[in-house]
Amino acid sequence: MIAWFTSLLQRLGSLVGIGRRSSTHDDDFDPELREVFFAELDDVTELLERAFAVWRANPADQAAMQNLRRGFHTIKGSALMVGATALGEFCRHLEQLSIRLMEQQLKVTPAMVVTIEQAIALLPAFAKSVRDGRAPPPQAHSITNRVQRLMA
């Protein structure tokens, strides 16, 4: 993960200004950087799946919740750097939910568990939609709305 992040920072150094363009069309971003992003997205998704299994079995497990938060945070930041804004925003909401659960501002409910599970399960389809230049999966909007309601 550290090697990937170092590589990402080096590549971003050569892309100064691209992230500020108003367009997020694929041509605006280094294709090699995007490929690194997709490979890392697969790895982080697997980590999220494992962390979720641990957390679902024991919602009081702070280390598992920290791993969920970290995974959503990583995808959020990386997605925004390669122009995958919808995916970045999707993970931003999940990161916020994770933080609130970690800080015990919210109590874990069955609806939260199901929502996080569905969000993680949606990540491969979300990645495919980004790769193919298509709109986010339709479920992304309903999951985001549910996360926002759960945090209200």
N, C-alpha and C. Protein backbone atom coordinates (compact mmCIF):
# COMPACT_ATOMS: atom_id res chain seq x y z
N MET A 1 0.83 -1.18 0.00
CA MET A 1 0.00 0.00 0.00
C MET A 1 0.88 1.25 0.00
N ILE A 2 1.95 1.25 0.79
CA ILE A 2 2.83 2.41 0.85
C ILE A 2 3.51 2.63 -0.50
N ALA A 3 3.95 1.54 -1.13
CA ALA A 3 4.60 1.67 -2.44
C ALA A 3 3.63 2.25 -3.45
N TRP A 4 2.39 1.79 -3.39
CA TRP A 4 1.38 2.32 -4.33
C TRP A 4 1.18 3.81 -4.08
N PHE A 5 1.06 4.20 -2.82
CA PHE A 5 0.81 5.60 -2.50
C PHE A 5 1.99 6.47 -2.92
N THR A 6 3.21 5.99 -2.70
CA THR A 6 4.40 6.72 -3.12
C THR A 6 4.40 6.89 -4.63
N SER A 7 4.09 5.82 -5.33
CA SER A 7 4.01 5.87 -6.79
C SER A 7 2.95 6.87 -7.24
N LEU A 8 1.81 6.84 -6.55
CA LEU A 8 0.73 7.75 -6.88
C LEU A 8 1.16 9.20 -6.69
N LEU A 9 1.83 9.48 -5.58
CA LEU A 9 2.29 10.85 -5.33
C LEU A 9 3.31 11.30 -6.37
N GLN A 10 4.20 10.40 -6.78
CA GLN A 10 5.17 10.75 -7.81
C GLN A 10 4.47 11.07 -9.12
N ARG A 11 3.50 10.27 -9.47
CA ARG A 11 2.77 10.51 -10.72
C ARG A 11 1.98 11.81 -10.65
N LEU A 12 1.39 12.06 -9.49
CA LEU A 12 0.62 13.29 -9.33
C LEU A 12 1.51 14.52 -9.46
N GLY A 13 2.75 14.39 -9.03
CA GLY A 13 3.68 15.50 -9.18
C GLY A 13 3.84 15.91 -10.63
N SER A 14 3.75 14.94 -11.53
CA SER A 14 3.88 15.25 -12.96
C SER A 14 2.56 15.69 -13.57
N LEU A 15 1.50 15.63 -12.80
CA LEU A 15 0.18 15.97 -13.33
C LEU A 15 -0.37 17.26 -12.71
N VAL A 16 0.49 18.08 -12.16
CA VAL A 16 0.05 19.29 -11.47
C VAL A 16 -0.92 20.08 -12.35
N GLY A 17 -2.03 20.45 -11.76
CA GLY A 17 -3.02 21.24 -12.47
C GLY A 17 -4.13 20.41 -13.08
N ILE A 18 -3.91 19.15 -13.37
CA ILE A 18 -4.95 18.36 -14.01
C ILE A 18 -6.17 18.23 -13.11
N GLY A 19 -5.97 18.02 -11.83
CA GLY A 19 -7.08 17.86 -10.90
C GLY A 19 -7.93 19.11 -10.77
N ARG A 20 -7.43 20.23 -11.26
CA ARG A 20 -8.18 21.49 -11.15
C ARG A 20 -9.02 21.77 -12.38
N ARG A 21 -8.88 20.97 -13.40
CA ARG A 21 -9.69 21.20 -14.60
C ARG A 21 -11.15 20.98 -14.27
N SER A 22 -12.01 21.67 -14.98
CA SER A 22 -13.43 21.51 -14.72
C SER A 22 -13.93 20.19 -15.27
N SER A 23 -13.27 19.66 -16.27
CA SER A 23 -13.67 18.39 -16.86
C SER A 23 -13.00 17.25 -16.12
N THR A 24 -13.72 16.13 -16.02
CA THR A 24 -13.11 14.93 -15.43
C THR A 24 -13.12 13.82 -16.46
N HIS A 25 -13.07 14.16 -17.71
CA HIS A 25 -13.04 13.16 -18.78
C HIS A 25 -11.79 12.32 -18.65
N ASP A 26 -11.89 11.05 -19.02
CA ASP A 26 -10.78 10.11 -18.89
C ASP A 26 -9.50 10.62 -19.53
N ASP A 27 -9.58 11.38 -20.62
CA ASP A 27 -8.39 11.86 -21.31
C ASP A 27 -7.59 12.84 -20.46
N ASP A 28 -8.20 13.38 -19.41
CA ASP A 28 -7.52 14.35 -18.56
C ASP A 28 -6.57 13.68 -17.56
N PHE A 29 -6.60 12.37 -17.46
CA PHE A 29 -5.82 11.68 -16.45
C PHE A 29 -4.91 10.66 -17.09
N ASP A 30 -3.74 10.51 -16.50
CA ASP A 30 -2.73 9.56 -16.96
C ASP A 30 -3.31 8.15 -16.98
N PRO A 31 -3.33 7.49 -18.15
CA PRO A 31 -3.91 6.14 -18.23
C PRO A 31 -3.20 5.15 -17.31
N GLU A 32 -1.90 5.30 -17.14
CA GLU A 32 -1.16 4.39 -16.26
C GLU A 32 -1.59 4.59 -14.81
N LEU A 33 -1.80 5.85 -14.43
CA LEU A 33 -2.26 6.15 -13.08
C LEU A 33 -3.64 5.53 -12.84
N ARG A 34 -4.50 5.61 -13.85
CA ARG A 34 -5.83 5.01 -13.72
C ARG A 34 -5.73 3.49 -13.55
N GLU A 35 -4.82 2.85 -14.27
CA GLU A 35 -4.66 1.40 -14.13
C GLU A 35 -4.17 1.04 -12.73
N VAL A 36 -3.26 1.83 -12.20
CA VAL A 36 -2.79 1.61 -10.83
C VAL A 36 -3.98 1.77 -9.88
N PHE A 37 -4.80 2.77 -10.13
CA PHE A 37 -5.99 3.00 -9.30
C PHE A 37 -6.90 1.78 -9.31
N PHE A 38 -7.18 1.24 -10.49
CA PHE A 38 -8.10 0.10 -10.57
C PHE A 38 -7.52 -1.14 -9.88
N ALA A 39 -6.23 -1.35 -10.01
CA ALA A 39 -5.60 -2.49 -9.33
C ALA A 39 -5.69 -2.32 -7.82
N GLU A 40 -5.41 -1.11 -7.34
CA GLU A 40 -5.48 -0.84 -5.91
C GLU A 40 -6.92 -0.92 -5.42
N LEU A 41 -7.86 -0.49 -6.24
CA LEU A 41 -9.27 -0.56 -5.87
C LEU A 41 -9.68 -2.01 -5.62
N ASP A 42 -9.21 -2.92 -6.46
CA ASP A 42 -9.50 -4.34 -6.24
C ASP A 42 -8.94 -4.80 -4.90
N ASP A 43 -7.70 -4.41 -4.61
CA ASP A 43 -7.07 -4.81 -3.34
C ASP A 43 -7.81 -4.24 -2.13
N VAL A 44 -8.16 -2.97 -2.21
CA VAL A 44 -8.84 -2.32 -1.08
C VAL A 44 -10.23 -2.92 -0.90
N THR A 45 -10.89 -3.25 -2.00
CA THR A 45 -12.21 -3.89 -1.90
C THR A 45 -12.11 -5.22 -1.15
N GLU A 46 -11.08 -5.99 -1.45
CA GLU A 46 -10.87 -7.26 -0.73
C GLU A 46 -10.62 -7.01 0.75
N LEU A 47 -9.83 -5.99 1.06
CA LEU A 47 -9.58 -5.64 2.46
C LEU A 47 -10.88 -5.23 3.16
N LEU A 48 -11.71 -4.47 2.46
CA LEU A 48 -13.00 -4.06 3.02
C LEU A 48 -13.89 -5.27 3.29
N GLU A 49 -13.89 -6.22 2.37
CA GLU A 49 -14.71 -7.43 2.55
C GLU A 49 -14.27 -8.19 3.80
N ARG A 50 -12.97 -8.32 3.98
CA ARG A 50 -12.46 -9.03 5.16
C ARG A 50 -12.76 -8.25 6.45
N ALA A 51 -12.54 -6.95 6.42
CA ALA A 51 -12.81 -6.13 7.61
C ALA A 51 -14.30 -6.17 7.95
N PHE A 52 -15.13 -6.15 6.92
CA PHE A 52 -16.57 -6.18 7.17
C PHE A 52 -16.98 -7.50 7.83
N ALA A 53 -16.43 -8.61 7.37
CA ALA A 53 -16.76 -9.92 7.96
C ALA A 53 -16.42 -9.94 9.45
N VAL A 54 -15.27 -9.38 9.80
CA VAL A 54 -14.87 -9.32 11.21
C VAL A 54 -15.81 -8.41 11.98
N TRP A 55 -16.11 -7.24 11.42
CA TRP A 55 -16.96 -6.27 12.11
C TRP A 55 -18.39 -6.79 12.26
N ARG A 56 -18.91 -7.44 11.23
CA ARG A 56 -20.27 -7.98 11.30
C ARG A 56 -20.36 -9.01 12.44
N ALA A 57 -19.33 -9.82 12.60
CA ALA A 57 -19.32 -10.82 13.67
C ALA A 57 -19.20 -10.18 15.04
N ASN A 58 -18.55 -9.00 15.10
CA ASN A 58 -18.35 -8.32 16.38
C ASN A 58 -18.35 -6.81 16.14
N PRO A 59 -19.53 -6.18 16.14
CA PRO A 59 -19.61 -4.74 15.88
C PRO A 59 -18.84 -3.87 16.87
N ALA A 60 -18.44 -4.43 18.01
CA ALA A 60 -17.64 -3.66 18.97
C ALA A 60 -16.16 -3.66 18.62
N ASP A 61 -15.77 -4.39 17.59
CA ASP A 61 -14.36 -4.50 17.19
C ASP A 61 -13.91 -3.19 16.53
N GLN A 62 -13.23 -2.36 17.31
CA GLN A 62 -12.79 -1.05 16.81
C GLN A 62 -11.74 -1.16 15.71
N ALA A 63 -10.90 -2.18 15.77
CA ALA A 63 -9.88 -2.35 14.73
C ALA A 63 -10.54 -2.65 13.39
N ALA A 64 -11.58 -3.47 13.40
CA ALA A 64 -12.29 -3.78 12.16
C ALA A 64 -12.97 -2.53 11.62
N MET A 65 -13.58 -1.74 12.50
CA MET A 65 -14.22 -0.51 12.05
C MET A 65 -13.18 0.47 11.52
N GLN A 66 -12.03 0.54 12.16
CA GLN A 66 -10.95 1.40 11.67
C GLN A 66 -10.51 0.96 10.27
N ASN A 67 -10.45 -0.34 10.04
CA ASN A 67 -10.08 -0.83 8.71
C ASN A 67 -11.14 -0.50 7.67
N LEU A 68 -12.40 -0.54 8.06
CA LEU A 68 -13.47 -0.12 7.14
C LEU A 68 -13.31 1.37 6.81
N ARG A 69 -13.13 2.17 7.84
CA ARG A 69 -12.98 3.61 7.61
C ARG A 69 -11.78 3.89 6.71
N ARG A 70 -10.67 3.24 6.99
CA ARG A 70 -9.45 3.45 6.22
C ARG A 70 -9.66 3.04 4.75
N GLY A 71 -10.34 1.93 4.53
CA GLY A 71 -10.60 1.48 3.17
C GLY A 71 -11.45 2.47 2.39
N PHE A 72 -12.54 2.94 3.02
CA PHE A 72 -13.39 3.92 2.34
C PHE A 72 -12.62 5.22 2.10
N HIS A 73 -11.80 5.61 3.06
CA HIS A 73 -10.99 6.83 2.92
C HIS A 73 -10.01 6.70 1.75
N THR A 74 -9.36 5.55 1.65
CA THR A 74 -8.39 5.32 0.58
C THR A 74 -9.05 5.39 -0.79
N ILE A 75 -10.18 4.71 -0.93
CA ILE A 75 -10.88 4.73 -2.22
C ILE A 75 -11.36 6.15 -2.52
N LYS A 76 -11.89 6.83 -1.52
CA LYS A 76 -12.37 8.20 -1.73
C LYS A 76 -11.27 9.08 -2.32
N GLY A 77 -10.13 9.10 -1.67
CA GLY A 77 -9.04 9.96 -2.12
C GLY A 77 -8.51 9.58 -3.47
N SER A 78 -8.30 8.30 -3.68
CA SER A 78 -7.76 7.83 -4.96
C SER A 78 -8.74 8.08 -6.10
N ALA A 79 -10.01 7.82 -5.84
CA ALA A 79 -11.03 8.02 -6.88
C ALA A 79 -11.09 9.49 -7.30
N LEU A 80 -11.05 10.38 -6.33
CA LEU A 80 -11.10 11.80 -6.66
C LEU A 80 -9.88 12.24 -7.46
N MET A 81 -8.72 11.61 -7.20
CA MET A 81 -7.50 11.98 -7.92
C MET A 81 -7.51 11.54 -9.38
N VAL A 82 -8.30 10.52 -9.70
CA VAL A 82 -8.34 10.06 -11.09
C VAL A 82 -9.64 10.45 -11.78
N GLY A 83 -10.41 11.32 -11.17
CA GLY A 83 -11.61 11.83 -11.81
C GLY A 83 -12.85 10.98 -11.62
N ALA A 84 -12.80 9.99 -10.74
CA ALA A 84 -13.97 9.14 -10.47
C ALA A 84 -14.76 9.77 -9.32
N THR A 85 -15.31 10.94 -9.59
CA THR A 85 -15.95 11.75 -8.56
C THR A 85 -17.11 11.04 -7.88
N ALA A 86 -17.96 10.38 -8.65
CA ALA A 86 -19.13 9.71 -8.05
C ALA A 86 -18.68 8.62 -7.07
N LEU A 87 -17.67 7.86 -7.44
CA LEU A 87 -17.14 6.82 -6.55
C LEU A 87 -16.52 7.46 -5.31
N GLY A 88 -15.79 8.55 -5.50
CA GLY A 88 -15.19 9.24 -4.37
C GLY A 88 -16.23 9.75 -3.39
N GLU A 89 -17.30 10.33 -3.92
CA GLU A 89 -18.37 10.84 -3.06
C GLU A 89 -19.12 9.71 -2.36
N PHE A 90 -19.34 8.61 -3.07
CA PHE A 90 -19.98 7.43 -2.49
C PHE A 90 -19.18 6.97 -1.27
N CYS A 91 -17.88 6.86 -1.43
CA CYS A 91 -17.02 6.40 -0.32
C CYS A 91 -16.88 7.46 0.76
N ARG A 92 -17.01 8.72 0.41
CA ARG A 92 -16.96 9.79 1.42
C ARG A 92 -18.09 9.61 2.43
N HIS A 93 -19.28 9.31 1.93
CA HIS A 93 -20.42 9.11 2.84
C HIS A 93 -20.20 7.88 3.73
N LEU A 94 -19.66 6.83 3.15
CA LEU A 94 -19.40 5.61 3.93
C LEU A 94 -18.29 5.84 4.96
N GLU A 95 -17.31 6.63 4.58
CA GLU A 95 -16.26 6.97 5.54
C GLU A 95 -16.85 7.75 6.71
N GLN A 96 -17.73 8.71 6.42
CA GLN A 96 -18.35 9.50 7.48
C GLN A 96 -19.18 8.62 8.41
N LEU A 97 -19.92 7.67 7.84
CA LEU A 97 -20.69 6.74 8.67
C LEU A 97 -19.74 5.93 9.55
N SER A 98 -18.65 5.47 8.99
CA SER A 98 -17.67 4.69 9.75
C SER A 98 -17.09 5.51 10.90
N ILE A 99 -16.77 6.75 10.63
CA ILE A 99 -16.22 7.63 11.67
C ILE A 99 -17.23 7.80 12.80
N ARG A 100 -18.47 8.04 12.45
CA ARG A 100 -19.49 8.25 13.48
C ARG A 100 -19.71 6.98 14.31
N LEU A 101 -19.59 5.82 13.66
CA LEU A 101 -19.70 4.57 14.40
C LEU A 101 -18.49 4.37 15.30
N MET A 102 -17.30 4.68 14.79
CA MET A 102 -16.08 4.55 15.59
C MET A 102 -16.12 5.44 16.82
N GLU A 103 -16.61 6.65 16.63
CA GLU A 103 -16.68 7.61 17.73
C GLU A 103 -17.90 7.40 18.61
N GLN A 104 -18.66 6.36 18.31
CA GLN A 104 -19.86 5.98 19.05
C GLN A 104 -20.89 7.09 19.09
N GLN A 105 -20.92 7.89 18.03
CA GLN A 105 -21.97 8.90 17.89
C GLN A 105 -23.27 8.25 17.41
N LEU A 106 -23.14 7.07 16.83
CA LEU A 106 -24.28 6.28 16.37
C LEU A 106 -24.15 4.88 16.93
N LYS A 107 -25.29 4.25 17.17
CA LYS A 107 -25.30 2.85 17.58
C LYS A 107 -25.47 2.00 16.32
N VAL A 108 -24.79 0.87 16.31
CA VAL A 108 -24.89 -0.06 15.19
C VAL A 108 -26.30 -0.63 15.15
N THR A 109 -26.91 -0.56 13.97
CA THR A 109 -28.23 -1.15 13.77
C THR A 109 -28.15 -2.17 12.64
N PRO A 110 -29.11 -3.07 12.56
CA PRO A 110 -29.13 -4.01 11.43
C PRO A 110 -29.14 -3.30 10.08
N ALA A 111 -29.83 -2.16 10.00
CA ALA A 111 -29.88 -1.41 8.73
C ALA A 111 -28.49 -0.90 8.35
N MET A 112 -27.70 -0.49 9.32
CA MET A 112 -26.33 -0.03 9.03
C MET A 112 -25.47 -1.18 8.52
N VAL A 113 -25.60 -2.32 9.17
CA VAL A 113 -24.81 -3.48 8.76
C VAL A 113 -25.14 -3.86 7.31
N VAL A 114 -26.43 -3.93 7.00
CA VAL A 114 -26.86 -4.29 5.64
C VAL A 114 -26.39 -3.23 4.64
N THR A 115 -26.50 -1.97 5.00
CA THR A 115 -26.11 -0.89 4.09
C THR A 115 -24.62 -0.94 3.78
N ILE A 116 -23.79 -1.13 4.78
CA ILE A 116 -22.35 -1.21 4.55
C ILE A 116 -22.02 -2.44 3.72
N GLU A 117 -22.68 -3.54 4.01
CA GLU A 117 -22.46 -4.77 3.23
C GLU A 117 -22.81 -4.55 1.76
N GLN A 118 -23.95 -3.92 1.50
CA GLN A 118 -24.37 -3.66 0.13
C GLN A 118 -23.42 -2.67 -0.57
N ALA A 119 -22.94 -1.70 0.17
CA ALA A 119 -22.01 -0.72 -0.41
C ALA A 119 -20.71 -1.40 -0.84
N ILE A 120 -20.18 -2.25 0.01
CA ILE A 120 -18.94 -2.95 -0.34
C ILE A 120 -19.18 -3.88 -1.53
N ALA A 121 -20.31 -4.56 -1.53
CA ALA A 121 -20.63 -5.47 -2.63
C ALA A 121 -20.79 -4.73 -3.95
N LEU A 122 -21.15 -3.45 -3.89
CA LEU A 122 -21.35 -2.65 -5.10
C LEU A 122 -20.04 -2.13 -5.70
N LEU A 123 -18.96 -2.13 -4.94
CA LEU A 123 -17.70 -1.55 -5.41
C LEU A 123 -17.20 -2.13 -6.74
N PRO A 124 -17.23 -3.44 -6.97
CA PRO A 124 -16.78 -3.94 -8.28
C PRO A 124 -17.61 -3.41 -9.45
N ALA A 125 -18.92 -3.32 -9.29
CA ALA A 125 -19.77 -2.77 -10.35
C ALA A 125 -19.48 -1.28 -10.53
N PHE A 126 -19.23 -0.59 -9.43
CA PHE A 126 -18.89 0.84 -9.50
C PHE A 126 -17.58 1.01 -10.27
N ALA A 127 -16.61 0.17 -9.97
CA ALA A 127 -15.31 0.24 -10.66
C ALA A 127 -15.50 0.01 -12.16
N LYS A 128 -16.33 -0.96 -12.52
CA LYS A 128 -16.58 -1.24 -13.94
C LYS A 128 -17.24 -0.04 -14.62
N SER A 129 -18.18 0.60 -13.95
CA SER A 129 -18.84 1.76 -14.56
C SER A 129 -17.84 2.90 -14.76
N VAL A 130 -16.92 3.08 -13.82
CA VAL A 130 -15.89 4.12 -13.97
C VAL A 130 -14.97 3.76 -15.13
N ARG A 131 -14.53 2.52 -15.17
CA ARG A 131 -13.62 2.07 -16.23
C ARG A 131 -14.26 2.24 -17.61
N ASP A 132 -15.56 1.93 -17.70
CA ASP A 132 -16.28 1.99 -18.97
C ASP A 132 -16.81 3.39 -19.29
N GLY A 133 -16.63 4.34 -18.39
CA GLY A 133 -17.10 5.70 -18.63
C GLY A 133 -18.62 5.81 -18.57
N ARG A 134 -19.25 4.93 -17.81
CA ARG A 134 -20.71 4.95 -17.68
C ARG A 134 -21.11 5.60 -16.36
N ALA A 135 -22.41 5.85 -16.24
CA ALA A 135 -22.96 6.38 -15.00
C ALA A 135 -22.78 5.36 -13.88
N PRO A 136 -22.78 5.83 -12.64
CA PRO A 136 -22.66 4.90 -11.51
C PRO A 136 -23.80 3.88 -11.52
N PRO A 137 -23.59 2.74 -10.89
CA PRO A 137 -24.68 1.77 -10.78
C PRO A 137 -25.89 2.41 -10.11
N PRO A 138 -27.10 2.05 -10.53
CA PRO A 138 -28.30 2.69 -9.96
C PRO A 138 -28.40 2.54 -8.44
N GLN A 139 -27.89 1.45 -7.90
CA GLN A 139 -27.98 1.23 -6.46
C GLN A 139 -27.15 2.23 -5.67
N ALA A 140 -26.17 2.85 -6.30
CA ALA A 140 -25.29 3.78 -5.58
C ALA A 140 -26.09 4.92 -4.96
N HIS A 141 -27.03 5.44 -5.71
CA HIS A 141 -27.83 6.57 -5.23
C HIS A 141 -28.67 6.16 -4.02
N SER A 142 -29.31 5.00 -4.09
CA SER A 142 -30.16 4.57 -2.98
C SER A 142 -29.32 4.25 -1.74
N ILE A 143 -28.14 3.67 -1.93
CA ILE A 143 -27.27 3.38 -0.78
C ILE A 143 -26.79 4.68 -0.15
N THR A 144 -26.39 5.65 -0.98
CA THR A 144 -25.95 6.94 -0.46
C THR A 144 -27.07 7.61 0.33
N ASN A 145 -28.28 7.59 -0.21
CA ASN A 145 -29.42 8.18 0.50
C ASN A 145 -29.66 7.47 1.83
N ARG A 146 -29.53 6.15 1.84
CA ARG A 146 -29.73 5.39 3.07
C ARG A 146 -28.66 5.76 4.10
N VAL A 147 -27.41 5.88 3.65
CA VAL A 147 -26.33 6.26 4.56
C VAL A 147 -26.63 7.63 5.18
N GLN A 148 -27.08 8.56 4.35
CA GLN A 148 -27.39 9.89 4.87
C GLN A 148 -28.53 9.85 5.88
N ARG A 149 -29.54 9.03 5.61
CA ARG A 149 -30.65 8.90 6.57
C ARG A 149 -30.17 8.27 7.88
N LEU A 150 -29.29 7.28 7.77
CA LEU A 150 -28.78 6.61 8.97
C LEU A 150 -27.96 7.56 9.84
N MET A 151 -27.34 8.55 9.21
CA MET A 151 -26.52 9.51 9.97
C MET A 151 -27.33 10.69 10.49
N ALA A 152 -28.56 10.83 10.03
CA ALA A 152 -29.39 11.99 10.43
C ALA A 152 -29.85 11.89 11.87
